[in-house]
Amino acid sequence: MSSTRSRAPIVSGAIAVSVCCTTAAVTSDPISEMMGIMETLAVPTLSPDPGQQAATGGVQFTPTSGVTQELAFSAIRRVDGSAMGEMQTAFLPPGFSADTNHTSIVCLFVSGNRATMVAADRTQDPNSPFGKFTLVGVTDNGQGNPRNPDTIAFLDARRFSFIGSLPANQLCDAIGAPGGAIKVTRGDIQVRSS
């Protein structure tokens, strides 16, 4: 990646928390916000080995539906192409309890500052071509740039005719890295191409 921004250290290990969603105070430090969202949503931060690609994020955003959402993820693509990681999404409708979805990363594709991840519902075989998948595209536009914030997009699986014909762990390579369209309002996304 050609970005010159400094990166916060990523630590190994799980962060265990029993509460959910938007309890951390808003700060002006995107890295602290990212780590707070990841901690709140109980997503462990993975540390890539040399040569591995990675995408990590803890973000808050409001899509066109108007319902604020949080997303935390940590994914690694190993040199052999296999992936590991977790993703947790929280929908935060005003006046209601948070609705969360915890999934396992089955593939990761990185190109420059963009990454695509496919995550499978934790109750299914991650290599099955059928079932419930979450497809997410993210763009890392540097840290703390309000004029060009990081972006995220949930991708519609119906756009990709090959879903159902490929094993889940090969979907990301076929999709590519379309990037995101929704601006992140809090937190940070970090994409590492190797």
C-alpha atoms as a PDB file:
ATOM      1  CA  MET A   1       0.000   0.000   0.000  1.00  0.00           C
ATOM      2  CA  SER A   2       1.335   3.457  -0.811  1.00  0.00           C
ATOM      3  CA  SER A   3      -0.136   5.236   2.196  1.00  0.00           C
ATOM      4  CA  THR A   4       2.338   7.052   4.439  1.00  0.00           C
ATOM      5  CA  ARG A   5       0.134   7.322   7.488  1.00  0.00           C
ATOM      6  CA  SER A   6       1.312   5.861  10.746  1.00  0.00           C
ATOM      7  CA  ARG A   7      -0.510   2.797  11.964  1.00  0.00           C
ATOM      8  CA  ALA A   8      -1.468   1.894  15.471  1.00  0.00           C
ATOM      9  CA  PRO A   9       0.020  -1.326  16.730  1.00  0.00           C
ATOM     10  CA  ILE A  10      -2.244  -4.330  16.419  1.00  0.00           C
ATOM     11  CA  VAL A  11      -2.194  -6.682  19.318  1.00  0.00           C
ATOM     12  CA  SER A  12      -2.878 -10.396  19.317  1.00  0.00           C
ATOM     13  CA  GLY A  13      -5.536 -12.016  21.437  1.00  0.00           C
ATOM     14  CA  ALA A  14      -9.224 -11.748  22.093  1.00  0.00           C
ATOM     15  CA  ILE A  15     -10.904  -8.893  23.869  1.00  0.00           C
ATOM     16  CA  ALA A  16     -13.771 -10.206  25.991  1.00  0.00           C
ATOM     17  CA  VAL A  17     -16.647  -7.870  26.760  1.00  0.00           C
ATOM     18  CA  SER A  18     -20.194  -8.770  27.692  1.00  0.00           C
ATOM     19  CA  VAL A  19     -21.985  -5.578  26.649  1.00  0.00           C
ATOM     20  CA  CYS A  20     -22.939  -4.386  23.187  1.00  0.00           C
ATOM     21  CA  CYS A  21     -22.934  -1.299  21.204  1.00  0.00           C
ATOM     22  CA  THR A  22     -22.097   2.364  21.498  1.00  0.00           C
ATOM     23  CA  THR A  23     -20.964   2.505  25.103  1.00  0.00           C
ATOM     24  CA  ALA A  24     -17.548   3.993  24.359  1.00  0.00           C
ATOM     25  CA  ALA A  25     -17.173   7.755  24.532  1.00  0.00           C
ATOM     26  CA  VAL A  26     -16.666   9.577  21.252  1.00  0.00           C
ATOM     27  CA  THR A  27     -13.081  10.785  20.917  1.00  0.00           C
ATOM     28  CA  SER A  28     -11.209  12.637  18.208  1.00  0.00           C
ATOM     29  CA  ASP A  29      -8.754   9.746  17.848  1.00  0.00           C
ATOM     30  CA  PRO A  30      -9.967   7.312  15.144  1.00  0.00           C
ATOM     31  CA  ILE A  31      -7.702   4.504  16.389  1.00  0.00           C
ATOM     32  CA  SER A  32      -9.080   4.741  19.937  1.00  0.00           C
ATOM     33  CA  GLU A  33     -12.617   4.813  18.518  1.00  0.00           C
ATOM     34  CA  MET A  34     -11.852   1.779  16.344  1.00  0.00           C
ATOM     35  CA  MET A  35     -10.469  -0.202  19.270  1.00  0.00           C
ATOM     36  CA  GLY A  36     -13.441   0.849  21.468  1.00  0.00           C
ATOM     37  CA  ILE A  37     -15.974  -0.370  18.889  1.00  0.00           C
ATOM     38  CA  MET A  38     -14.054  -3.633  18.410  1.00  0.00           C
ATOM     39  CA  GLU A  39     -13.969  -4.141  22.175  1.00  0.00           C
ATOM     40  CA  THR A  40     -17.659  -3.343  22.574  1.00  0.00           C
ATOM     41  CA  LEU A  41     -18.610  -5.796  19.823  1.00  0.00           C
ATOM     42  CA  ALA A  42     -16.158  -8.411  21.193  1.00  0.00           C
ATOM     43  CA  VAL A  43     -14.156  -8.929  17.990  1.00  0.00           C
ATOM     44  CA  PRO A  44     -10.570 -10.069  18.613  1.00  0.00           C
ATOM     45  CA  THR A  45      -7.803  -8.149  16.852  1.00  0.00           C
ATOM     46  CA  LEU A  46      -5.607 -10.402  14.738  1.00  0.00           C
ATOM     47  CA  SER A  47      -1.961  -9.683  13.967  1.00  0.00           C
ATOM     48  CA  PRO A  48      -0.818 -10.666  10.459  1.00  0.00           C
ATOM     49  CA  ASP A  49       2.486 -12.413   9.844  1.00  0.00           C
ATOM     50  CA  PRO A  50       4.883 -11.004   7.210  1.00  0.00           C
ATOM     51  CA  GLY A  51       3.481 -11.484   3.707  1.00  0.00           C
ATOM     52  CA  GLN A  52      -0.124 -11.779   4.885  1.00  0.00           C
ATOM     53  CA  GLN A  53      -2.852  -9.334   3.892  1.00  0.00           C
ATOM     54  CA  ALA A  54      -5.143  -7.929   6.563  1.00  0.00           C
ATOM     55  CA  ALA A  55      -8.183  -5.740   7.126  1.00  0.00           C
ATOM     56  CA  THR A  56      -9.175  -4.482  10.548  1.00  0.00           C
ATOM     57  CA  GLY A  57     -11.839  -2.001  11.554  1.00  0.00           C
ATOM     58  CA  GLY A  58     -14.221  -0.746  14.161  1.00  0.00           C
ATOM     59  CA  VAL A  59     -16.567   1.817  12.628  1.00  0.00           C
ATOM     60  CA  GLN A  60     -19.880   3.541  13.000  1.00  0.00           C
ATOM     61  CA  PHE A  61     -21.870   4.729   9.987  1.00  0.00           C
ATOM     62  CA  THR A  62     -25.406   5.639   8.946  1.00  0.00           C
ATOM     63  CA  PRO A  63     -26.579   4.265   5.595  1.00  0.00           C
ATOM     64  CA  THR A  64     -29.515   5.671   3.642  1.00  0.00           C
ATOM     65  CA  SER A  65     -31.924   3.732   5.898  1.00  0.00           C
ATOM     66  CA  GLY A  66     -31.073   6.253   8.624  1.00  0.00           C
ATOM     67  CA  VAL A  67     -30.394   3.527  11.241  1.00  0.00           C
ATOM     68  CA  THR A  68     -26.940   3.923  12.752  1.00  0.00           C
ATOM     69  CA  GLN A  69     -24.841   0.781  12.528  1.00  0.00           C
ATOM     70  CA  GLU A  70     -21.548  -0.408  13.937  1.00  0.00           C
ATOM     71  CA  LEU A  71     -19.237  -2.904  12.297  1.00  0.00           C
ATOM     72  CA  ALA A  72     -16.159  -4.521  13.783  1.00  0.00           C
ATOM     73  CA  PHE A  73     -13.946  -6.909  11.850  1.00  0.00           C
ATOM     74  CA  SER A  74     -10.491  -8.387  11.865  1.00  0.00           C
ATOM     75  CA  ALA A  75      -9.450 -10.569   8.936  1.00  0.00           C
ATOM     76  CA  ILE A  76      -6.216 -12.074   7.653  1.00  0.00           C
ATOM     77  CA  ARG A  77      -5.494 -13.678   4.296  1.00  0.00           C
ATOM     78  CA  ARG A  78      -2.701 -16.199   4.611  1.00  0.00           C
ATOM     79  CA  VAL A  79      -0.070 -16.674   1.901  1.00  0.00           C
ATOM     80  CA  ASP A  80      -1.895 -19.844   0.717  1.00  0.00           C
ATOM     81  CA  GLY A  81      -5.078 -17.794   0.097  1.00  0.00           C
ATOM     82  CA  SER A  82      -7.063 -19.082   3.064  1.00  0.00           C
ATOM     83  CA  ALA A  83      -8.583 -16.562   5.457  1.00  0.00           C
ATOM     84  CA  MET A  84      -9.479 -16.289   9.111  1.00  0.00           C
ATOM     85  CA  GLY A  85     -11.199 -13.725  11.279  1.00  0.00           C
ATOM     86  CA  GLU A  86     -14.465 -12.459  12.685  1.00  0.00           C
ATOM     87  CA  MET A  87     -17.027  -9.790  11.898  1.00  0.00           C
ATOM     88  CA  GLN A  88     -19.811  -8.418  14.078  1.00  0.00           C
ATOM     89  CA  THR A  89     -22.521  -6.047  12.873  1.00  0.00           C
ATOM     90  CA  ALA A  90     -24.806  -4.105  15.202  1.00  0.00           C
ATOM     91  CA  PHE A  91     -27.921  -2.244  14.085  1.00  0.00           C
ATOM     92  CA  LEU A  92     -28.789   0.507  16.561  1.00  0.00           C
ATOM     93  CA  PRO A  93     -32.401   1.666  15.984  1.00  0.00           C
ATOM     94  CA  PRO A  94     -33.392   4.466  18.386  1.00  0.00           C
ATOM     95  CA  GLY A  95     -35.569   3.201  21.234  1.00  0.00           C
ATOM     96  CA  PHE A  96     -34.888  -0.488  20.537  1.00  0.00           C
ATOM     97  CA  SER A  97     -32.319  -3.031  21.624  1.00  0.00           C
ATOM     98  CA  ALA A  98     -29.354  -3.518  19.327  1.00  0.00           C
ATOM     99  CA  ASP A  99     -29.681  -6.281  16.746  1.00  0.00           C
ATOM    100  CA  THR A 100     -26.321  -7.997  16.250  1.00  0.00           C
ATOM    101  CA  ASN A 101     -24.948 -10.580  13.838  1.00  0.00           C
ATOM    102  CA  HIS A 102     -21.647 -12.371  14.534  1.00  0.00           C
ATOM    103  CA  THR A 103     -20.008 -14.094  11.559  1.00  0.00           C
ATOM    104  CA  SER A 104     -16.750 -15.823  10.624  1.00  0.00           C
ATOM    105  CA  ILE A 105     -14.554 -14.514   7.802  1.00  0.00           C
ATOM    106  CA  VAL A 106     -14.254 -17.076   4.991  1.00  0.00           C
ATOM    107  CA  CYS A 107     -12.303 -14.980   2.491  1.00  0.00           C
ATOM    108  CA  LEU A 108     -10.438 -11.693   2.136  1.00  0.00           C
ATOM    109  CA  PHE A 109      -9.257  -9.915  -1.007  1.00  0.00           C
ATOM    110  CA  VAL A 110      -7.003  -6.836  -0.780  1.00  0.00           C
ATOM    111  CA  SER A 111      -6.059  -4.462  -3.578  1.00  0.00           C
ATOM    112  CA  GLY A 112      -4.199  -1.304  -2.527  1.00  0.00           C
ATOM    113  CA  ASN A 113      -6.307   0.476   0.085  1.00  0.00           C
ATOM    114  CA  ARG A 114      -9.454  -1.581  -0.601  1.00  0.00           C
ATOM    115  CA  ALA A 115     -10.582  -4.905   0.801  1.00  0.00           C
ATOM    116  CA  THR A 116     -13.493  -7.254   0.240  1.00  0.00           C
ATOM    117  CA  MET A 117     -14.573  -9.752   2.882  1.00  0.00           C
ATOM    118  CA  VAL A 118     -17.141 -12.514   2.868  1.00  0.00           C
ATOM    119  CA  ALA A 119     -18.332 -13.713   6.245  1.00  0.00           C
ATOM    120  CA  ALA A 120     -20.513 -16.754   6.907  1.00  0.00           C
ATOM    121  CA  ASP A 121     -23.120 -17.173   9.586  1.00  0.00           C
ATOM    122  CA  ARG A 122     -21.339 -19.032  12.369  1.00  0.00           C
ATOM    123  CA  THR A 123     -23.842 -21.902  12.291  1.00  0.00           C
ATOM    124  CA  GLN A 124     -22.965 -23.105   8.784  1.00  0.00           C
ATOM    125  CA  ASP A 125     -20.049 -24.797   7.054  1.00  0.00           C
ATOM    126  CA  PRO A 126     -17.814 -21.892   5.862  1.00  0.00           C
ATOM    127  CA  ASN A 127     -16.928 -23.754   2.651  1.00  0.00           C
ATOM    128  CA  SER A 128     -20.528 -24.389   1.650  1.00  0.00           C
ATOM    129  CA  PRO A 129     -21.589 -22.370  -1.425  1.00  0.00           C
ATOM    130  CA  PHE A 130     -25.067 -21.996   0.088  1.00  0.00           C
ATOM    131  CA  GLY A 131     -26.276 -20.243   3.202  1.00  0.00           C
ATOM    132  CA  LYS A 132     -26.195 -16.803   4.738  1.00  0.00           C
ATOM    133  CA  PHE A 133     -23.205 -14.695   3.784  1.00  0.00           C
ATOM    134  CA  THR A 134     -22.312 -11.073   4.479  1.00  0.00           C
ATOM    135  CA  LEU A 135     -20.309  -9.394   1.702  1.00  0.00           C
ATOM    136  CA  VAL A 136     -18.520  -6.191   2.727  1.00  0.00           C
ATOM    137  CA  GLY A 137     -16.267  -3.847   0.774  1.00  0.00           C
ATOM    138  CA  VAL A 138     -14.129  -1.290   2.639  1.00  0.00           C
ATOM    139  CA  THR A 139     -11.771   1.511   1.654  1.00  0.00           C
ATOM    140  CA  ASP A 140      -8.961   2.776   3.911  1.00  0.00           C
ATOM    141  CA  ASN A 141      -8.496   6.468   3.095  1.00  0.00           C
ATOM    142  CA  GLY A 142      -5.995   7.208   5.845  1.00  0.00           C
ATOM    143  CA  GLN A 143      -6.478   8.125   9.449  1.00  0.00           C
ATOM    144  CA  GLY A 144      -8.543  11.095  10.599  1.00  0.00           C
ATOM    145  CA  ASN A 145      -9.169  12.817   7.257  1.00  0.00           C
ATOM    146  CA  PRO A 146     -12.687  14.350   7.494  1.00  0.00           C
ATOM    147  CA  ARG A 147     -12.563  15.425   3.818  1.00  0.00           C
ATOM    148  CA  ASN A 148     -11.886  11.867   2.651  1.00  0.00           C
ATOM    149  CA  PRO A 149     -13.153   9.442   5.329  1.00  0.00           C
ATOM    150  CA  ASP A 150     -12.887   5.669   5.174  1.00  0.00           C
ATOM    151  CA  THR A 151     -15.860   4.054   3.458  1.00  0.00           C
ATOM    152  CA  ILE A 152     -17.841   0.835   3.671  1.00  0.00           C
ATOM    153  CA  ALA A 153     -20.415  -0.968   1.512  1.00  0.00           C
ATOM    154  CA  PHE A 154     -22.536  -4.035   2.055  1.00  0.00           C
ATOM    155  CA  LEU A 155     -22.558  -5.807  -1.290  1.00  0.00           C
ATOM    156  CA  ASP A 156     -25.652  -7.446  -2.743  1.00  0.00           C
ATOM    157  CA  ALA A 157     -24.889 -11.130  -3.340  1.00  0.00           C
ATOM    158  CA  ARG A 158     -27.451 -11.186  -6.173  1.00  0.00           C
ATOM    159  CA  ARG A 159     -25.062  -9.039  -8.269  1.00  0.00           C
ATOM    160  CA  PHE A 160     -22.601 -11.909  -8.463  1.00  0.00           C
ATOM    161  CA  SER A 161     -23.882 -14.781 -10.609  1.00  0.00           C
ATOM    162  CA  PHE A 162     -21.108 -17.121  -9.451  1.00  0.00           C
ATOM    163  CA  ILE A 163     -22.291 -17.191  -5.815  1.00  0.00           C
ATOM    164  CA  GLY A 164     -23.518 -20.712  -5.286  1.00  0.00           C
ATOM    165  CA  SER A 165     -21.077 -22.135  -7.832  1.00  0.00           C
ATOM    166  CA  LEU A 166     -17.831 -21.385  -5.965  1.00  0.00           C
ATOM    167  CA  PRO A 167     -16.704 -22.448  -2.508  1.00  0.00           C
ATOM    168  CA  ALA A 168     -17.071 -19.530  -0.103  1.00  0.00           C
ATOM    169  CA  ASN A 169     -13.318 -19.233   0.415  1.00  0.00           C
ATOM    170  CA  GLN A 170     -12.902 -18.360  -3.312  1.00  0.00           C
ATOM    171  CA  LEU A 171     -15.629 -15.705  -3.504  1.00  0.00           C
ATOM    172  CA  CYS A 172     -13.440 -12.710  -2.605  1.00  0.00           C
ATOM    173  CA  ASP A 173     -11.017 -13.265  -5.484  1.00  0.00           C
ATOM    174  CA  ALA A 174     -13.945 -13.466  -7.894  1.00  0.00           C
ATOM    175  CA  ILE A 175     -15.599 -10.308  -6.507  1.00  0.00           C
ATOM    176  CA  GLY A 176     -12.445  -8.164  -6.462  1.00  0.00           C
ATOM    177  CA  ALA A 177     -12.260  -4.972  -4.398  1.00  0.00           C
ATOM    178  CA  PRO A 178     -15.070  -2.568  -5.304  1.00  0.00           C
ATOM    179  CA  GLY A 179     -14.496  -0.462  -2.180  1.00  0.00           C
ATOM    180  CA  GLY A 180     -17.085   1.282  -0.061  1.00  0.00           C
ATOM    181  CA  ALA A 181     -19.650   3.995  -0.633  1.00  0.00           C
ATOM    182  CA  ILE A 182     -20.951   4.862   2.852  1.00  0.00           C
ATOM    183  CA  LYS A 183     -18.785   7.306   4.791  1.00  0.00           C
ATOM    184  CA  VAL A 184     -17.531   6.181   8.185  1.00  0.00           C
ATOM    185  CA  THR A 185     -18.550   8.716  10.859  1.00  0.00           C
ATOM    186  CA  ARG A 186     -16.582   7.228  13.752  1.00  0.00           C
ATOM    187  CA  GLY A 187     -13.691   4.791  14.064  1.00  0.00           C
ATOM    188  CA  ASP A 188     -11.121   3.636  11.531  1.00  0.00           C
ATOM    189  CA  ILE A 189     -10.453   1.012   8.867  1.00  0.00           C
ATOM    190  CA  GLN A 190      -6.954  -0.352   8.278  1.00  0.00           C
ATOM    191  CA  VAL A 191      -6.135  -2.329   5.109  1.00  0.00           C
ATOM    192  CA  ARG A 192      -2.721  -3.934   4.684  1.00  0.00           C
ATOM    193  CA  SER A 193      -1.727  -5.341   1.326  1.00  0.00           C
ATOM    194  CA  SER A 194       1.160  -7.361   2.815  1.00  0.00           C
END
